[in-house]
Amino acid sequence: MSKFYKIWLIFDPRRVFVAQGVFLFLLAAMIHLVVLSNGINWFQTAAAAGGAGM
């Protein structure tokens, strides 16, 4: 574990962090779209509960 820093000699840190950011953004967008298309659509639930006028 003390030589774990050598992973950055193989991978470019800038590309790793950019790829991680893109992956996390796409994952978040996919999760939001799945939840909105499912029965757990919080926009319709709030409108049905009368929260749309708030």
N, C-alpha and C. Protein backbone atom coordinates (compact mmCIF):
# COMPACT_ATOMS: atom_id res chain seq x y z
N MET A 1 0.83 -1.20 0.00
CA MET A 1 0.00 0.00 0.00
C MET A 1 0.86 1.26 0.00
N SER A 2 2.10 1.12 0.44
CA SER A 2 2.97 2.30 0.50
C SER A 2 3.44 2.74 -0.89
N LYS A 3 3.31 1.88 -1.89
CA LYS A 3 3.74 2.23 -3.24
C LYS A 3 2.56 2.47 -4.17
N PHE A 4 1.43 2.79 -3.58
CA PHE A 4 0.23 3.01 -4.39
C PHE A 4 0.34 4.27 -5.24
N TYR A 5 1.22 5.17 -4.88
CA TYR A 5 1.39 6.41 -5.64
C TYR A 5 1.88 6.13 -7.06
N LYS A 6 2.43 4.96 -7.29
CA LYS A 6 2.97 4.65 -8.62
C LYS A 6 1.88 4.48 -9.68
N ILE A 7 0.62 4.40 -9.25
CA ILE A 7 -0.48 4.30 -10.21
C ILE A 7 -0.51 5.56 -11.08
N TRP A 8 -0.07 6.71 -10.50
CA TRP A 8 -0.08 7.96 -11.25
C TRP A 8 1.07 8.04 -12.25
N LEU A 9 2.00 7.11 -12.18
CA LEU A 9 3.04 7.04 -13.20
C LEU A 9 2.52 6.34 -14.45
N ILE A 10 1.45 5.57 -14.29
CA ILE A 10 0.84 4.85 -15.41
C ILE A 10 -0.26 5.70 -16.05
N PHE A 11 -1.12 6.30 -15.21
CA PHE A 11 -2.25 7.09 -15.69
C PHE A 11 -1.98 8.57 -15.48
N ASP A 12 -2.38 9.39 -16.45
CA ASP A 12 -2.26 10.84 -16.33
C ASP A 12 -3.35 11.34 -15.39
N PRO A 13 -3.00 11.99 -14.28
CA PRO A 13 -4.01 12.41 -13.30
C PRO A 13 -5.07 13.33 -13.89
N ARG A 14 -4.69 14.23 -14.81
CA ARG A 14 -5.68 15.14 -15.39
C ARG A 14 -6.74 14.37 -16.17
N ARG A 15 -6.32 13.39 -16.94
CA ARG A 15 -7.30 12.61 -17.71
C ARG A 15 -8.17 11.76 -16.80
N VAL A 16 -7.58 11.24 -15.73
CA VAL A 16 -8.35 10.42 -14.79
C VAL A 16 -9.44 11.25 -14.13
N PHE A 17 -9.09 12.46 -13.69
CA PHE A 17 -10.07 13.30 -13.00
C PHE A 17 -11.14 13.83 -13.96
N VAL A 18 -10.77 14.13 -15.19
CA VAL A 18 -11.76 14.56 -16.18
C VAL A 18 -12.70 13.40 -16.50
N ALA A 19 -12.15 12.21 -16.69
CA ALA A 19 -12.98 11.04 -16.98
C ALA A 19 -13.90 10.73 -15.80
N GLN A 20 -13.40 10.87 -14.59
CA GLN A 20 -14.23 10.62 -13.41
C GLN A 20 -15.36 11.64 -13.32
N GLY A 21 -15.07 12.90 -13.60
CA GLY A 21 -16.11 13.93 -13.58
C GLY A 21 -17.18 13.69 -14.62
N VAL A 22 -16.77 13.33 -15.83
CA VAL A 22 -17.73 13.04 -16.90
C VAL A 22 -18.58 11.83 -16.53
N PHE A 23 -17.94 10.80 -16.01
CA PHE A 23 -18.67 9.59 -15.61
C PHE A 23 -19.70 9.91 -14.52
N LEU A 24 -19.30 10.66 -13.51
CA LEU A 24 -20.22 10.97 -12.42
C LEU A 24 -21.37 11.85 -12.89
N PHE A 25 -21.10 12.79 -13.79
CA PHE A 25 -22.18 13.63 -14.33
C PHE A 25 -23.18 12.79 -15.12
N LEU A 26 -22.67 11.91 -15.98
CA LEU A 26 -23.57 11.06 -16.76
C LEU A 26 -24.35 10.09 -15.87
N LEU A 27 -23.71 9.58 -14.83
CA LEU A 27 -24.40 8.70 -13.89
C LEU A 27 -25.52 9.45 -13.17
N ALA A 28 -25.24 10.67 -12.73
CA ALA A 28 -26.27 11.47 -12.05
C ALA A 28 -27.43 11.78 -12.99
N ALA A 29 -27.13 12.14 -14.23
CA ALA A 29 -28.19 12.44 -15.20
C ALA A 29 -29.03 11.20 -15.47
N MET A 30 -28.40 10.05 -15.60
CA MET A 30 -29.13 8.81 -15.84
C MET A 30 -30.04 8.47 -14.66
N ILE A 31 -29.52 8.61 -13.45
CA ILE A 31 -30.32 8.31 -12.26
C ILE A 31 -31.52 9.24 -12.19
N HIS A 32 -31.32 10.53 -12.46
CA HIS A 32 -32.44 11.47 -12.42
C HIS A 32 -33.49 11.13 -13.48
N LEU A 33 -33.05 10.76 -14.67
CA LEU A 33 -34.02 10.42 -15.71
C LEU A 33 -34.78 9.14 -15.37
N VAL A 34 -34.11 8.17 -14.78
CA VAL A 34 -34.78 6.93 -14.39
C VAL A 34 -35.81 7.21 -13.30
N VAL A 35 -35.44 8.02 -12.33
CA VAL A 35 -36.37 8.32 -11.23
C VAL A 35 -37.55 9.13 -11.75
N LEU A 36 -37.31 10.07 -12.67
CA LEU A 36 -38.42 10.85 -13.22
C LEU A 36 -39.36 10.00 -14.06
N SER A 37 -38.85 8.99 -14.74
CA SER A 37 -39.71 8.17 -15.58
C SER A 37 -40.38 7.05 -14.80
N ASN A 38 -39.97 6.86 -13.57
CA ASN A 38 -40.52 5.80 -12.72
C ASN A 38 -41.76 6.33 -12.00
N GLY A 39 -42.35 5.53 -11.14
CA GLY A 39 -43.50 5.95 -10.35
C GLY A 39 -43.13 6.90 -9.23
N ILE A 40 -41.86 7.21 -9.10
CA ILE A 40 -41.40 8.10 -8.02
C ILE A 40 -41.14 9.49 -8.60
N ASN A 41 -41.96 9.95 -9.52
CA ASN A 41 -41.77 11.25 -10.13
C ASN A 41 -42.17 12.32 -9.12
N TRP A 42 -41.18 13.05 -8.58
CA TRP A 42 -41.46 13.99 -7.51
C TRP A 42 -42.19 15.23 -8.00
N PHE A 43 -42.14 15.54 -9.30
CA PHE A 43 -42.89 16.67 -9.81
C PHE A 43 -44.39 16.38 -9.79
N GLN A 44 -44.78 15.20 -10.25
CA GLN A 44 -46.19 14.84 -10.24
C GLN A 44 -46.69 14.64 -8.82
N THR A 45 -45.86 14.09 -7.94
CA THR A 45 -46.27 13.88 -6.55
C THR A 45 -46.50 15.22 -5.86
N ALA A 46 -45.64 16.19 -6.09
CA ALA A 46 -45.79 17.51 -5.47
C ALA A 46 -47.02 18.22 -6.02
N ALA A 47 -47.29 18.08 -7.31
CA ALA A 47 -48.46 18.72 -7.90
C ALA A 47 -49.74 18.09 -7.38
N ALA A 48 -49.74 16.78 -7.20
CA ALA A 48 -50.93 16.10 -6.69
C ALA A 48 -51.18 16.45 -5.23
N ALA A 49 -50.12 16.73 -4.48
CA ALA A 49 -50.27 17.07 -3.07
C ALA A 49 -50.61 18.54 -2.87
N GLY A 50 -50.68 19.31 -3.93
CA GLY A 50 -51.00 20.73 -3.82
C GLY A 50 -49.78 21.59 -3.57
N GLY A 51 -48.61 21.04 -3.75
CA GLY A 51 -47.39 21.81 -3.53
C GLY A 51 -46.99 22.65 -4.72
N ALA A 52 -47.76 22.59 -5.81
CA ALA A 52 -47.39 23.34 -7.01
C ALA A 52 -47.61 24.83 -6.83
N GLY A 53 -48.50 25.22 -5.93
CA GLY A 53 -48.80 26.63 -5.72
C GLY A 53 -47.87 27.32 -4.76
N MET A 54 -46.91 26.58 -4.20
CA MET A 54 -46.03 27.17 -3.20
C MET A 54 -45.06 28.09 -3.83
